[in-house]
Protein backbone atom coordinates (compact mmCIF):
# COMPACT_ATOMS: atom_id res chain seq x y z
CA MET A 1 -9.19 -25.29 2.32
CA SER A 2 -7.70 -27.94 4.61
CA GLY A 3 -6.08 -31.35 4.14
CA GLY A 4 -8.65 -32.81 1.79
CA GLY A 5 -9.32 -29.60 -0.09
CA ARG A 6 -8.26 -29.43 -3.72
CA LEU A 7 -8.96 -26.78 -6.30
CA GLY A 8 -9.96 -28.41 -9.62
CA LEU A 9 -7.84 -30.81 -11.65
CA TYR A 10 -4.46 -29.11 -11.63
CA ALA A 11 -5.97 -25.71 -12.34
CA ALA A 12 -3.52 -22.89 -11.74
CA GLY A 13 -3.66 -19.15 -11.76
CA LEU A 14 -2.65 -15.57 -12.04
CA VAL A 15 -1.53 -14.09 -8.77
CA VAL A 16 -3.23 -11.19 -7.04
CA ALA A 17 -1.14 -8.89 -4.86
CA PHE A 18 -2.07 -8.58 -1.21
CA ALA A 19 -0.57 -5.98 1.10
CA GLY A 20 -0.35 -7.20 4.70
CA ALA A 21 -1.32 -4.88 7.52
CA TYR A 22 -0.51 -4.52 11.20
CA GLY A 23 -3.36 -5.09 13.63
CA VAL A 24 -6.67 -3.84 12.27
CA ALA A 25 -5.32 -0.96 10.17
CA ALA A 26 -6.00 -1.41 6.45
CA VAL A 27 -3.46 -0.39 3.84
CA ALA A 28 -3.64 0.18 0.11
CA VAL A 29 -1.94 -2.07 -2.39
CA PRO A 30 1.50 -0.46 -2.79
CA ASP A 31 2.02 1.58 -5.94
CA ASP A 32 5.44 0.01 -6.41
CA VAL A 33 3.84 -3.42 -6.79
CA VAL A 34 1.65 -2.21 -9.63
CA ALA A 35 4.63 -0.39 -11.11
CA ALA A 36 6.65 -3.60 -10.98
CA TRP A 37 3.99 -5.46 -12.97
CA VAL A 38 3.99 -2.72 -15.59
CA GLY A 39 7.78 -2.51 -15.58
CA ASN A 40 8.17 -6.24 -15.99
CA ALA A 41 5.81 -6.20 -18.93
CA SER A 42 7.65 -3.28 -20.51
CA ASP A 43 11.00 -5.00 -20.05
CA ALA A 44 9.66 -8.18 -21.61
CA ARG A 45 8.33 -6.31 -24.65
CA SER A 46 11.61 -4.48 -25.09
CA ALA A 47 13.65 -7.65 -24.77
CA ALA A 48 11.46 -9.32 -27.35
CA GLY A 49 11.83 -6.41 -29.74
CA HIS A 50 8.24 -5.21 -29.38
CA ASP A 51 7.45 -1.52 -28.97
CA GLY A 52 3.75 -1.97 -28.35
CA GLY A 53 0.67 -3.80 -29.50
CA ASP A 54 1.76 -7.26 -28.43
CA LYS A 55 -0.25 -8.02 -25.30
CA SER A 56 1.12 -11.57 -25.04
CA ALA A 57 4.36 -10.18 -23.61
CA VAL A 58 2.43 -8.73 -20.66
CA ALA A 59 1.09 -12.14 -19.62
CA VAL A 60 4.54 -13.72 -19.91
CA ALA A 61 6.08 -11.04 -17.70
CA LEU A 62 3.80 -11.55 -14.70
CA PRO A 63 5.67 -12.77 -11.60
CA GLY A 64 6.07 -16.48 -11.10
CA VAL A 65 5.28 -17.79 -14.58
CA SER A 66 8.79 -18.13 -16.01
CA LEU A 67 12.10 -19.76 -15.09
CA SER A 68 13.96 -16.62 -16.19
CA ALA A 69 13.58 -12.84 -15.80
CA TYR A 70 15.82 -9.76 -15.69
CA GLY A 71 18.72 -11.89 -16.94
CA TYR A 72 18.44 -14.37 -14.04
CA ALA A 73 17.40 -18.01 -14.34
CA LEU A 74 16.33 -20.77 -11.99
CA SER A 75 18.33 -23.95 -12.56
CA PRO A 76 16.68 -27.37 -12.70
CA VAL A 77 15.45 -28.30 -9.23
CA VAL A 78 16.91 -31.45 -7.68
CA ALA A 79 14.61 -33.16 -5.17
CA PRO A 80 13.29 -36.57 -4.15
CA THR A 81 11.18 -38.09 -6.91
CA SER A 82 8.66 -40.10 -4.92
CA VAL A 83 6.47 -39.76 -1.83
CA GLY A 84 8.09 -40.56 1.51
CA GLU A 85 11.64 -40.42 0.16
CA ALA A 86 13.78 -38.31 2.50
CA GLY A 87 16.33 -36.12 0.79
CA GLU A 88 17.20 -32.58 -0.17
CA LEU A 89 15.70 -29.97 -2.47
CA SER A 90 18.35 -27.83 -4.16
CA PHE A 91 18.83 -25.34 -6.99
CA LYS A 92 20.90 -22.38 -8.15
CA ILE A 93 20.09 -18.91 -9.43
CA THR A 94 22.30 -18.01 -12.41
CA ASP A 95 23.00 -14.61 -13.97
CA ALA A 96 23.07 -13.54 -17.61
CA GLN A 97 26.54 -15.08 -18.00
CA GLY A 98 25.40 -18.40 -16.58
CA GLU A 99 27.33 -17.87 -13.34
CA PRO A 100 25.74 -18.71 -9.97
CA LEU A 101 24.39 -15.69 -8.10
CA THR A 102 25.86 -15.59 -4.58
CA ALA A 103 25.01 -12.05 -3.38
CA TYR A 104 21.47 -11.26 -2.27
CA VAL A 105 19.67 -8.39 -0.57
CA ASN A 106 17.89 -9.32 2.63
CA SER A 107 14.16 -8.91 1.92
CA HIS A 108 11.51 -9.46 4.58
CA GLU A 109 14.21 -10.82 6.89
CA LYS A 110 15.46 -13.47 4.42
CA ASP A 111 17.77 -13.59 1.39
CA LEU A 112 15.45 -15.92 -0.52
CA HIS A 113 11.89 -17.15 -0.03
CA LEU A 114 11.01 -20.59 -1.38
CA ILE A 115 7.34 -21.34 -2.06
CA VAL A 116 6.25 -24.82 -3.10
CA VAL A 117 2.64 -25.71 -3.96
CA ARG A 118 1.00 -28.54 -5.88
CA THR A 119 -0.55 -27.28 -9.07
CA ASP A 120 -4.07 -27.95 -7.78
CA GLY A 121 -3.36 -25.46 -4.97
CA SER A 122 -2.76 -27.97 -2.17
CA GLU A 123 0.38 -28.96 -0.24
CA TYR A 124 1.52 -25.35 0.22
CA ARG A 125 4.90 -24.75 1.88
CA HIS A 126 6.93 -21.59 2.51
CA VAL A 127 10.50 -22.24 3.64
CA HIS A 128 13.90 -20.57 3.63
CA PRO A 129 16.75 -22.72 2.28
CA THR A 130 20.45 -22.31 3.08
CA LEU A 131 22.92 -20.80 0.60
CA ASN A 132 26.40 -22.18 -0.05
CA GLU A 133 28.15 -18.87 -0.71
CA HIS A 134 31.01 -20.59 -2.57
CA THR A 135 28.91 -22.56 -5.06
CA GLY A 136 25.67 -20.55 -5.12
CA LEU A 137 23.68 -23.71 -4.29
CA TRP A 138 20.50 -23.26 -2.25
CA SER A 139 19.36 -26.35 -0.34
CA THR A 140 16.92 -27.53 2.30
CA PRO A 141 15.91 -30.95 3.69
CA TRP A 142 12.87 -32.21 1.80
CA GLU A 143 10.29 -34.99 1.71
CA TRP A 144 7.08 -35.08 -0.32
CA ALA A 145 3.85 -35.98 1.48
CA GLU A 146 1.72 -36.31 -1.67
CA ALA A 147 2.32 -37.17 -5.31
CA GLY A 148 1.59 -34.78 -8.15
CA SER A 149 2.99 -31.91 -10.16
CA TYR A 150 4.41 -29.05 -8.11
CA ARG A 151 5.40 -25.45 -8.75
CA VAL A 152 8.62 -24.30 -7.06
CA TYR A 153 9.12 -20.54 -6.69
CA ALA A 154 12.32 -18.69 -5.80
CA ASP A 155 11.61 -15.13 -4.66
CA PHE A 156 14.68 -12.91 -4.12
CA VAL A 157 16.43 -9.57 -4.64
CA PRO A 158 19.88 -9.73 -6.29
CA ALA A 159 22.59 -7.60 -4.67
CA VAL A 160 23.65 -5.77 -7.82
CA GLU A 161 23.79 -2.10 -8.69
CA ASP A 162 20.61 -0.85 -10.36
CA GLY A 163 19.14 -4.35 -10.12
CA PRO A 164 15.44 -5.26 -9.96
CA ASP A 165 13.54 -4.73 -6.71
CA LYS A 166 12.37 -8.34 -6.74
CA VAL A 167 12.66 -11.40 -8.97
CA THR A 168 10.31 -14.40 -8.82
CA LEU A 169 11.30 -17.46 -10.85
CA THR A 170 9.55 -20.82 -11.07
CA ARG A 171 9.89 -24.38 -12.30
CA THR A 172 7.65 -27.44 -12.23
CA ILE A 173 8.69 -30.73 -10.66
CA ASP A 174 6.80 -34.04 -10.75
CA VAL A 175 6.52 -36.48 -7.85
CA ALA A 176 5.63 -40.09 -8.59
CA GLY A 177 2.79 -41.83 -6.82
CA GLU A 178 -0.97 -42.15 -6.68
CA ILE A 179 -2.68 -38.76 -6.90
CA ASP A 180 -5.76 -38.07 -4.81
CA LEU A 181 -7.64 -34.96 -5.93
CA ALA A 182 -10.90 -33.62 -4.53
CA PRO A 183 -12.84 -30.52 -5.54
CA VAL A 184 -13.16 -27.64 -3.11
CA THR A 185 -15.90 -25.05 -2.78
CA GLU A 186 -15.44 -21.40 -1.92
CA SER A 187 -14.43 -21.16 1.74
CA ASN A 188 -13.66 -18.17 3.94
CA THR A 189 -12.95 -20.19 7.11
CA ASP A 190 -10.15 -22.61 7.96
CA HIS A 191 -9.25 -24.63 11.03
CA VAL A 192 -5.54 -25.23 11.56
CA ASP A 193 -3.66 -26.50 14.63
CA GLY A 194 -6.57 -25.69 16.93
CA TYR A 195 -7.05 -22.17 15.54
CA GLU A 196 -10.02 -20.92 13.56
CA VAL A 197 -9.24 -18.26 10.97
CA MET A 198 -12.02 -16.42 9.14
CA VAL A 199 -11.91 -14.01 6.24
CA VAL A 200 -14.46 -11.19 6.45
CA GLY A 201 -14.93 -9.35 3.18
CA SER A 202 -15.15 -10.23 -0.50
CA LEU A 203 -13.12 -9.75 -3.66
CA THR A 204 -14.33 -7.55 -6.51
CA ALA A 205 -12.57 -7.89 -9.85
CA GLY A 206 -10.76 -4.79 -11.02
CA SER A 207 -10.84 -2.92 -7.73
CA THR A 208 -9.29 -2.93 -4.29
CA SER A 209 -11.17 -4.87 -1.62
CA GLU A 210 -10.62 -4.97 2.11
CA LEU A 211 -10.18 -8.39 3.68
CA THR A 212 -9.89 -8.87 7.43
CA LEU A 213 -8.55 -12.18 8.66
CA SER A 214 -9.51 -12.89 12.25
CA VAL A 215 -7.79 -15.54 14.39
CA SER A 216 -9.49 -17.26 17.34
CA ARG A 217 -8.94 -20.35 19.49
CA ASP A 218 -11.61 -22.18 21.47
CA GLY A 219 -14.01 -19.38 20.65
CA GLU A 220 -11.73 -16.69 22.10
CA PRO A 221 -9.92 -14.01 20.05
CA VAL A 222 -6.16 -14.50 19.74
CA THR A 223 -4.35 -11.27 20.67
CA THR A 224 -0.82 -12.73 20.81
CA LEU A 225 0.05 -12.77 17.11
CA GLU A 226 3.81 -12.31 16.80
CA PRO A 227 5.88 -10.64 14.07
CA TYR A 228 6.77 -12.97 11.22
CA LEU A 229 8.98 -11.83 8.32
CA GLY A 230 8.49 -8.22 9.32
CA ALA A 231 4.70 -8.22 9.77
CA PHE A 232 1.92 -9.80 11.84
CA GLY A 233 0.69 -11.77 8.85
CA HIS A 234 1.99 -12.94 5.51
CA LEU A 235 -0.46 -13.59 2.68
CA VAL A 236 0.07 -15.27 -0.69
CA ALA A 237 -2.69 -15.51 -3.30
CA LEU A 238 -2.89 -17.55 -6.51
CA ARG A 239 -5.62 -17.26 -9.11
CA ASP A 240 -7.12 -20.18 -10.99
CA GLY A 241 -5.40 -19.95 -14.35
CA ASP A 242 -1.60 -20.13 -14.45
CA LEU A 243 -0.29 -19.95 -10.85
CA ALA A 244 1.55 -16.71 -11.33
CA TYR A 245 2.88 -15.68 -7.92
CA LEU A 246 3.41 -12.60 -5.81
CA HIS A 247 3.53 -11.97 -2.09
CA VAL A 248 3.62 -8.55 -0.45
CA HIS A 249 4.11 -7.61 3.18
CA ALA A 250 2.72 -4.65 5.07
CA GLU A 251 3.99 -1.18 4.47
CA GLY A 252 5.00 1.06 7.35
CA ASP A 253 7.26 0.40 10.30
CA GLU A 254 8.08 -3.20 11.03
CA PRO A 255 6.88 -4.50 14.40
CA LYS A 256 9.55 -4.72 17.06
CA ALA A 257 10.59 -7.87 18.88
CA GLY A 258 8.10 -8.55 21.65
CA ASP A 259 5.23 -6.73 19.93
CA THR A 260 1.95 -8.61 19.61
CA ALA A 261 -1.31 -7.99 17.78
CA GLY A 262 -4.63 -9.60 16.93
CA PRO A 263 -7.11 -11.03 16.56
CA ASP A 264 -7.58 -9.14 13.25
CA ILE A 265 -5.13 -8.71 10.39
CA THR A 266 -6.42 -6.50 7.58
CA PHE A 267 -5.31 -6.60 3.97
CA ALA A 268 -6.11 -4.57 0.89
CA ALA A 269 -6.54 -6.96 -2.01
CA GLU A 270 -6.75 -6.25 -5.71
CA ALA A 271 -8.15 -9.02 -7.90
CA PRO A 272 -7.40 -8.20 -11.56
CA THR A 273 -10.24 -10.33 -12.94
CA ALA A 274 -13.20 -12.40 -11.81
CA GLY A 275 -12.41 -15.96 -10.82
CA ARG A 276 -11.33 -18.15 -7.95
CA TYR A 277 -8.36 -17.26 -5.78
CA LEU A 278 -6.40 -19.38 -3.32
CA LEU A 279 -5.19 -17.56 -0.22
CA TYR A 280 -2.49 -18.74 2.17
CA LEU A 281 -2.03 -16.88 5.46
CA ASP A 282 1.07 -17.51 7.57
CA PHE A 283 0.84 -16.30 11.17
CA GLN A 284 2.94 -16.90 14.27
CA VAL A 285 1.93 -17.58 17.88
CA ASP A 286 4.33 -18.70 20.64
CA GLY A 287 7.14 -19.04 18.12
CA ARG A 288 5.26 -21.48 15.89
CA ILE A 289 4.16 -20.73 12.32
CA HIS A 290 0.65 -21.76 11.23
CA THR A 291 -0.80 -21.60 7.74
CA ALA A 292 -4.51 -21.07 7.08
CA GLU A 293 -5.86 -21.67 3.55
CA PHE A 294 -8.92 -20.25 1.83
CA ALA A 295 -10.65 -20.15 -1.56
CA LEU A 296 -12.49 -16.94 -2.49
CA ASP A 297 -14.29 -16.01 -5.69
CA ALA A 298 -13.84 -12.53 -7.10
CA THR A 299 -16.93 -11.13 -8.82
CA ASN A 300 -17.28 -8.42 -11.44
CA HIS A 301 -18.61 -4.94 -10.68
CA GLY A 302 -22.37 -4.82 -10.49
CA ARG A 303 -22.85 -8.45 -9.51
CA ASP A 304 -24.48 -9.38 -6.23
CA GLU A 305 -21.97 -9.49 -3.39
CA PRO A 306 -22.19 -11.84 -0.38
CA THR A 307 -24.45 -10.50 2.32
CA GLU A 308 -22.99 -9.15 5.54
CA GLU A 309 -24.46 -12.07 7.43
CA HIS A 310 -22.76 -14.53 5.06
CA SER A 311 -19.40 -12.77 5.46
CA GLU A 312 -19.60 -12.83 9.23
CA THR A 313 -20.67 -16.42 9.65
CA GLY A 314 -18.28 -17.83 7.07
CA SER A 315 -18.64 -20.58 4.52
CA ASP A 316 -16.47 -23.54 5.32
CA GLY A 317 -16.24 -25.75 2.24
CA HIS A 318 -13.92 -28.38 3.71
């Protein structure tokens, strides 16, 4: 999914967790990620006064679908309101008493990860704003390239005793201007900044699937992938539905400075249900971050899977 690619008319979705891997070694989806989903749902039911039987609380508790969780809240987001207007995007995280949170645990080399994506799945950005430790205000220079409705995610770990392992909060912000949407077909290949990135493998709903993302340039494998945020690849996935969000890095020892890998990065992916998923892979070469985008369909057990030939040759729907 490249510049012109769009997924539906502002369709959004439930996130699927992907565990990044180093080199070609596959890893399983971490148990603590699944436990966090269950724990979040349990906390939501308890907070709402439910002791079981109300499945709606589970959906509400999924990461990245609410502006508040665990007693923390994402303030209104201040940003430019139209395309091409240079400015600043800023917000605060507040605690249960309404006070700005100023102490964070460093997670994946950063205190807070900011993900911004238009609600049709395009215009994806992953940045790391700066914190004013006196006021609790997070800010980063910002300019919108396209109009539309956007989801803004703040992903962080509060530095409090017995606090949650991770909190993901979200708000929607609208940007004025003419909106240009185009449908996108399933695609397991993307071309970005002179690199070709291909996904080999397929998603099966309700089970763990192995996906290998292979990076090449001018027909040659790229073996100089550099560590980025504690891994050789960083993958975010959103499912067509409500844009719930979760990103997970590789387990195991972090790569050391100067280490390189490639061309393959393998992930274990669990798609909870059938449907279309948007994938965003961040990778680093020569100190520069590149983002490849894909759209994969997860099928139910027992349905025909893509043939091996189809997986190897790719299906570029751009």
